[in-house]
Amino acid sequence: MITQASSAESESGPAQQAWSRLLRAAAATKRELAAELQEAHGISITAYEALHVLSTAEDQQLKRGVLAERLALTPSGVTRLLEGLEQAGLVEKAACATDLRVSYARLTDAGRERLRAASCGHTGSIRALFERHLAPGEVEQLAELLGRLPGAQEEEGDVCPAAAAEVAAVADASSERTP
């Protein structure tokens, strides 16, 4: 006979606990970082992510559908996002030379500048958030563990070389303290 306690334990085992914590932590950290990004640079975190994805793409442009997939947005969601970015002059719509049915979202000079201006501060906010709650080795371990999950792919290109250098310095300093 299965008791209530053993049934509840199986439902709230380590996998369920990890899933719940991952969802709550992702939502809370995204809210915090989004508020900081909006206040400091006047762009949403989704707009920032779109600018970043475009900045790392070949010719700094992507088919709109591909961008939607990379941002985990619906086609209508990416259309709304891009309309706002186009109105702000951060992204432009570009036609495909070989297929007029295809259009691209292309990063503009203004979009590159806005991304550059926001990136170092945003990267610093991300680092600070993790440093408040985790040791450097734990951040590395978390990144490695999350990297094993579906859809967790490494981003190409570092938008803020200064932030990358600072992260490396923190990691070096923590390894020097470790016996």
Protein backbone atom coordinates (compact mmCIF):
# COMPACT_ATOMS: atom_id res chain seq x y z
CA MET A 1 0.00 0.00 0.00
CA ILE A 2 1.35 3.45 -0.98
CA THR A 3 1.07 6.04 1.73
CA GLN A 4 0.45 9.73 1.25
CA ALA A 5 3.96 10.54 2.46
CA SER A 6 5.75 8.26 0.03
CA SER A 7 3.57 9.49 -2.84
CA ALA A 8 4.31 13.12 -1.95
CA GLU A 9 8.04 12.35 -1.67
CA SER A 10 8.12 10.85 -5.15
CA GLU A 11 6.30 13.85 -6.59
CA SER A 12 8.70 16.29 -4.92
CA GLY A 13 11.91 14.37 -5.49
CA PRO A 14 15.18 15.91 -6.57
CA ALA A 15 14.19 16.31 -10.24
CA GLN A 16 10.93 18.10 -9.39
CA GLN A 17 12.71 20.24 -6.81
CA ALA A 18 15.44 21.16 -9.32
CA TRP A 19 12.81 21.99 -11.97
CA SER A 20 10.81 24.21 -9.60
CA ARG A 21 13.90 26.01 -8.37
CA LEU A 22 15.20 26.50 -11.92
CA LEU A 23 11.90 28.08 -13.02
CA ARG A 24 11.62 30.33 -9.96
CA ALA A 25 15.28 31.40 -10.09
CA ALA A 26 15.11 32.10 -13.83
CA ALA A 27 11.97 34.20 -13.43
CA ALA A 28 13.30 36.15 -10.43
CA THR A 29 16.72 36.84 -11.93
CA LYS A 30 15.23 37.82 -15.28
CA ARG A 31 12.86 40.28 -13.54
CA GLU A 32 15.73 41.83 -11.58
CA LEU A 33 18.05 42.11 -14.57
CA ALA A 34 15.25 43.35 -16.84
CA ALA A 35 14.39 46.16 -14.43
CA GLU A 36 18.04 47.24 -14.22
CA LEU A 37 18.44 47.13 -18.01
CA GLN A 38 15.24 49.10 -18.60
CA GLU A 39 16.16 51.74 -16.01
CA ALA A 40 19.75 52.17 -17.14
CA HIS A 41 19.37 51.87 -20.92
CA GLY A 42 15.68 52.13 -21.77
CA ILE A 43 15.40 48.73 -23.45
CA SER A 44 13.67 45.55 -22.47
CA ILE A 45 15.63 42.41 -21.78
CA THR A 46 14.03 40.77 -24.83
CA ALA A 47 15.12 43.69 -27.02
CA TYR A 48 18.63 43.39 -25.58
CA GLU A 49 18.67 39.66 -26.32
CA ALA A 50 17.51 40.32 -29.90
CA LEU A 51 20.26 42.91 -30.44
CA HIS A 52 22.82 40.51 -28.97
CA VAL A 53 21.71 37.58 -31.15
CA LEU A 54 21.82 39.79 -34.25
CA SER A 55 25.26 41.11 -33.30
CA THR A 56 26.70 37.59 -33.27
CA ALA A 57 25.01 36.48 -36.51
CA GLU A 58 26.74 36.46 -39.89
CA ASP A 59 26.45 39.94 -41.42
CA GLN A 60 24.61 40.92 -38.21
CA GLN A 61 21.30 39.81 -39.70
CA LEU A 62 18.96 36.84 -39.44
CA LYS A 63 15.76 35.68 -41.05
CA ARG A 64 12.94 36.85 -38.85
CA GLY A 65 11.80 33.27 -38.24
CA VAL A 66 15.27 32.18 -37.17
CA LEU A 67 15.46 35.12 -34.78
CA ALA A 68 12.08 34.09 -33.33
CA GLU A 69 13.42 30.58 -32.70
CA ARG A 70 16.62 31.83 -31.07
CA LEU A 71 14.63 34.12 -28.77
CA ALA A 72 11.97 31.46 -28.07
CA LEU A 73 9.28 33.82 -29.41
CA THR A 74 6.30 33.14 -31.61
CA PRO A 75 6.34 34.63 -35.12
CA SER A 76 3.85 37.28 -34.03
CA GLY A 77 5.91 37.97 -30.90
CA VAL A 78 9.07 38.58 -32.89
CA THR A 79 7.12 40.77 -35.33
CA ARG A 80 5.93 42.99 -32.46
CA LEU A 81 9.44 43.12 -30.99
CA LEU A 82 11.04 43.99 -34.32
CA GLU A 83 8.45 46.68 -35.08
CA GLY A 84 9.48 48.47 -31.90
CA LEU A 85 13.19 48.02 -32.61
CA GLU A 86 12.70 49.26 -36.18
CA GLN A 87 10.79 52.33 -34.97
CA ALA A 88 13.64 53.04 -32.56
CA GLY A 89 16.14 52.71 -35.42
CA LEU A 90 17.98 49.82 -33.75
CA VAL A 91 17.06 47.19 -36.35
CA GLU A 92 16.08 47.45 -39.99
CA LYS A 93 14.12 45.16 -42.24
CA ALA A 94 16.18 43.84 -45.13
CA ALA A 95 14.93 41.94 -48.17
CA CYS A 96 16.53 38.78 -49.48
CA ALA A 97 18.11 39.36 -52.90
CA THR A 98 17.16 35.89 -54.14
CA ASP A 99 13.75 35.33 -52.55
CA LEU A 100 11.40 38.30 -52.07
CA ARG A 101 9.27 36.25 -49.66
CA VAL A 102 12.12 36.22 -47.16
CA SER A 103 13.01 39.19 -45.01
CA TYR A 104 15.79 39.70 -42.53
CA ALA A 105 16.20 41.64 -39.33
CA ARG A 106 19.49 43.54 -39.55
CA LEU A 107 21.27 45.35 -36.76
CA THR A 108 21.82 49.06 -37.48
CA ASP A 109 24.69 51.25 -36.36
CA ALA A 110 22.39 52.69 -33.69
CA GLY A 111 21.49 49.17 -32.57
CA ARG A 112 25.17 48.23 -32.29
CA GLU A 113 25.82 51.36 -30.26
CA ARG A 114 22.85 50.75 -27.93
CA LEU A 115 23.97 47.15 -27.44
CA ARG A 116 27.55 48.23 -26.77
CA ALA A 117 26.41 50.83 -24.26
CA ALA A 118 24.14 48.37 -22.45
CA SER A 119 26.35 45.29 -22.60
CA CYS A 120 29.06 46.09 -20.10
CA GLY A 121 26.60 47.25 -17.47
CA HIS A 122 24.25 44.34 -18.12
CA THR A 123 27.10 41.83 -18.05
CA GLY A 124 28.29 43.41 -14.81
CA SER A 125 24.79 43.12 -13.34
CA ILE A 126 24.66 39.44 -14.25
CA ARG A 127 28.06 38.83 -12.69
CA ALA A 128 27.15 40.77 -9.54
CA LEU A 129 23.89 38.85 -9.15
CA PHE A 130 25.71 35.52 -9.29
CA GLU A 131 28.53 36.71 -7.02
CA ARG A 132 25.98 37.74 -4.36
CA HIS A 133 24.68 34.19 -4.16
CA LEU A 134 27.39 31.81 -5.38
CA ALA A 135 31.13 31.30 -5.11
CA PRO A 136 33.11 31.53 -8.38
CA GLY A 137 33.54 27.74 -8.52
CA GLU A 138 29.81 27.30 -8.02
CA VAL A 139 29.05 29.67 -10.91
CA GLU A 140 31.29 27.57 -13.16
CA GLN A 141 29.66 24.36 -11.91
CA LEU A 142 26.16 25.78 -12.47
CA ALA A 143 27.08 26.87 -16.00
CA GLU A 144 28.44 23.40 -16.76
CA LEU A 145 25.37 21.63 -15.34
CA LEU A 146 22.88 23.90 -17.11
CA GLY A 147 24.86 23.49 -20.33
CA ARG A 148 23.84 19.84 -20.37
CA LEU A 149 20.14 20.67 -20.61
CA PRO A 150 18.33 20.82 -23.96
CA GLY A 151 18.49 24.22 -25.63
CA ALA A 152 21.40 25.46 -23.51
CA GLN A 153 23.81 26.48 -26.22
CA GLU A 154 26.83 28.68 -25.95
CA GLU A 155 26.55 32.14 -27.46
CA GLU A 156 29.24 33.11 -29.93
CA GLY A 157 30.94 36.45 -29.60
CA ASP A 158 31.50 38.53 -26.51
CA VAL A 159 29.79 41.87 -26.81
CA CYS A 160 31.75 43.34 -23.93
CA PRO A 161 35.45 42.37 -23.95
CA ALA A 162 36.06 44.46 -20.81
CA ALA A 163 33.48 42.41 -18.92
CA ALA A 164 35.00 39.15 -20.20
CA ALA A 165 38.40 40.28 -18.94
CA GLU A 166 36.90 41.19 -15.57
CA VAL A 167 35.21 37.77 -15.27
CA ALA A 168 38.54 36.10 -16.07
CA ALA A 169 40.27 38.20 -13.40
CA VAL A 170 37.65 37.17 -10.79
CA ALA A 171 38.14 33.52 -11.73
CA ASP A 172 41.94 33.88 -11.50
CA ALA A 173 41.68 35.58 -8.12
CA SER A 174 39.42 32.85 -6.76
CA SER A 175 41.74 30.09 -8.01
CA GLU A 176 44.68 31.83 -6.28
CA ARG A 177 42.77 31.75 -2.97
CA THR A 178 41.98 28.05 -3.34
CA PRO A 179 44.77 25.87 -1.83
